[in-house]
Amino acid sequence: MKIEDRSQRLVPHQLTSYLIDELMNLRTKPAGANNLIAVEPINKRMTKDKFSSLEMGVYVISLMEQEQTSRRRNRGLERR
């Protein structure tokens, strides 16, 4: 397999690793007397939080799915 093809094929795996890293960057702690929960980043250098990283991950996955579905439709391979 060519290097370009291999790197293109590994992109989803790399993006998944980045998503997991960003999701694991938060810690919760109790705050206040009303059972509130505060969320704070563990590593201050990472600017993403759990919601934005999950949102971006879902967005990229949906784009990939749409692209794959449109390719299947164009080739006439759509499941019926």
C-alpha atoms as a PDB file:
ATOM      1  CA  MET A   1       0.000   0.000   0.000  1.00  0.00           C
ATOM      2  CA  LYS A   2       1.327   3.437  -0.871  1.00  0.00           C
ATOM      3  CA  ILE A   3       2.210   5.826   1.933  1.00  0.00           C
ATOM      4  CA  GLU A   4      -0.456   8.341   0.863  1.00  0.00           C
ATOM      5  CA  ASP A   5      -3.166   5.660   0.802  1.00  0.00           C
ATOM      6  CA  ARG A   6      -2.058   4.311   4.150  1.00  0.00           C
ATOM      7  CA  SER A   7      -2.078   7.733   5.810  1.00  0.00           C
ATOM      8  CA  GLN A   8      -5.530   8.465   4.361  1.00  0.00           C
ATOM      9  CA  ARG A   9      -6.815   5.149   5.675  1.00  0.00           C
ATOM     10  CA  LEU A  10      -5.448   5.839   9.172  1.00  0.00           C
ATOM     11  CA  VAL A  11      -7.056   9.294   9.493  1.00  0.00           C
ATOM     12  CA  PRO A  12     -10.242   8.048  11.256  1.00  0.00           C
ATOM     13  CA  HIS A  13      -8.131   6.175  13.809  1.00  0.00           C
ATOM     14  CA  GLN A  14      -6.005   9.242  14.504  1.00  0.00           C
ATOM     15  CA  LEU A  15      -9.067  11.456  14.854  1.00  0.00           C
ATOM     16  CA  THR A  16     -10.608   8.961  17.266  1.00  0.00           C
ATOM     17  CA  SER A  17      -7.455   9.058  19.377  1.00  0.00           C
ATOM     18  CA  TYR A  18      -7.539  12.860  19.450  1.00  0.00           C
ATOM     19  CA  LEU A  19     -11.213  12.805  20.418  1.00  0.00           C
ATOM     20  CA  ILE A  20     -10.540  10.419  23.307  1.00  0.00           C
ATOM     21  CA  ASP A  21      -7.629  12.568  24.515  1.00  0.00           C
ATOM     22  CA  GLU A  22      -9.827  15.659  24.556  1.00  0.00           C
ATOM     23  CA  LEU A  23     -12.699  13.850  26.256  1.00  0.00           C
ATOM     24  CA  MET A  24     -10.409  12.588  29.004  1.00  0.00           C
ATOM     25  CA  ASN A  25      -9.052  16.062  29.753  1.00  0.00           C
ATOM     26  CA  LEU A  26     -11.864  17.002  32.151  1.00  0.00           C
ATOM     27  CA  ARG A  27     -12.463  16.219  35.782  1.00  0.00           C
ATOM     28  CA  THR A  28     -15.612  16.829  37.804  1.00  0.00           C
ATOM     29  CA  LYS A  29     -15.822  18.006  41.374  1.00  0.00           C
ATOM     30  CA  PRO A  30     -18.710  18.899  43.657  1.00  0.00           C
ATOM     31  CA  ALA A  31     -19.390  22.621  43.919  1.00  0.00           C
ATOM     32  CA  GLY A  32     -21.797  24.365  46.237  1.00  0.00           C
ATOM     33  CA  ALA A  33     -24.438  23.084  48.606  1.00  0.00           C
ATOM     34  CA  ASN A  34     -27.076  22.281  45.955  1.00  0.00           C
ATOM     35  CA  ASN A  35     -25.302  19.172  44.612  1.00  0.00           C
ATOM     36  CA  LEU A  36     -23.872  21.117  41.690  1.00  0.00           C
ATOM     37  CA  ILE A  37     -21.003  19.705  39.690  1.00  0.00           C
ATOM     38  CA  ALA A  38     -18.143  21.839  38.401  1.00  0.00           C
ATOM     39  CA  VAL A  39     -16.107  20.724  35.405  1.00  0.00           C
ATOM     40  CA  GLU A  40     -12.498  21.800  35.124  1.00  0.00           C
ATOM     41  CA  PRO A  41      -9.786  20.905  32.630  1.00  0.00           C
ATOM     42  CA  ILE A  42      -6.919  18.775  33.895  1.00  0.00           C
ATOM     43  CA  ASN A  43      -4.389  20.142  31.426  1.00  0.00           C
ATOM     44  CA  LYS A  44      -4.753  23.909  30.975  1.00  0.00           C
ATOM     45  CA  ARG A  45      -2.901  23.886  27.634  1.00  0.00           C
ATOM     46  CA  MET A  46      -5.702  21.922  25.943  1.00  0.00           C
ATOM     47  CA  THR A  47      -8.455  24.390  25.157  1.00  0.00           C
ATOM     48  CA  LYS A  48     -11.162  21.904  24.121  1.00  0.00           C
ATOM     49  CA  ASP A  49     -13.762  20.632  26.525  1.00  0.00           C
ATOM     50  CA  LYS A  50     -15.865  17.484  26.479  1.00  0.00           C
ATOM     51  CA  PHE A  51     -18.862  18.963  24.694  1.00  0.00           C
ATOM     52  CA  SER A  52     -16.982  20.731  21.925  1.00  0.00           C
ATOM     53  CA  SER A  53     -14.733  17.747  21.226  1.00  0.00           C
ATOM     54  CA  LEU A  54     -17.683  15.342  21.144  1.00  0.00           C
ATOM     55  CA  GLU A  55     -19.632  17.752  18.959  1.00  0.00           C
ATOM     56  CA  MET A  56     -16.735  18.049  16.519  1.00  0.00           C
ATOM     57  CA  GLY A  57     -16.295  14.276  16.469  1.00  0.00           C
ATOM     58  CA  VAL A  58     -19.959  13.684  15.654  1.00  0.00           C
ATOM     59  CA  TYR A  59     -19.833  16.364  12.955  1.00  0.00           C
ATOM     60  CA  VAL A  60     -16.806  14.805  11.251  1.00  0.00           C
ATOM     61  CA  ILE A  61     -18.344  11.326  11.467  1.00  0.00           C
ATOM     62  CA  SER A  62     -21.574  12.572   9.909  1.00  0.00           C
ATOM     63  CA  LEU A  63     -19.624  14.211   7.055  1.00  0.00           C
ATOM     64  CA  MET A  64     -17.787  10.950   6.396  1.00  0.00           C
ATOM     65  CA  GLU A  65     -21.046   8.992   6.418  1.00  0.00           C
ATOM     66  CA  GLN A  66     -22.688  11.443   4.020  1.00  0.00           C
ATOM     67  CA  GLU A  67     -19.725  11.208   1.655  1.00  0.00           C
ATOM     68  CA  GLN A  68     -19.780   7.411   1.718  1.00  0.00           C
ATOM     69  CA  THR A  69     -23.562   7.329   1.175  1.00  0.00           C
ATOM     70  CA  SER A  70     -23.349   9.706  -1.777  1.00  0.00           C
ATOM     71  CA  ARG A  71     -20.601   7.563  -3.335  1.00  0.00           C
ATOM     72  CA  ARG A  72     -22.771   4.463  -2.977  1.00  0.00           C
ATOM     73  CA  ARG A  73     -25.745   6.278  -4.528  1.00  0.00           C
ATOM     74  CA  ASN A  74     -23.650   7.494  -7.457  1.00  0.00           C
ATOM     75  CA  ARG A  75     -22.415   3.971  -8.144  1.00  0.00           C
ATOM     76  CA  GLY A  76     -25.900   2.454  -7.794  1.00  0.00           C
ATOM     77  CA  LEU A  77     -24.884   0.366  -4.788  1.00  0.00           C
ATOM     78  CA  GLU A  78     -27.445   1.738  -2.367  1.00  0.00           C
ATOM     79  CA  ARG A  79     -29.205  -0.898  -0.265  1.00  0.00           C
ATOM     80  CA  ARG A  80     -32.896  -1.215  -0.907  1.00  0.00           C
END
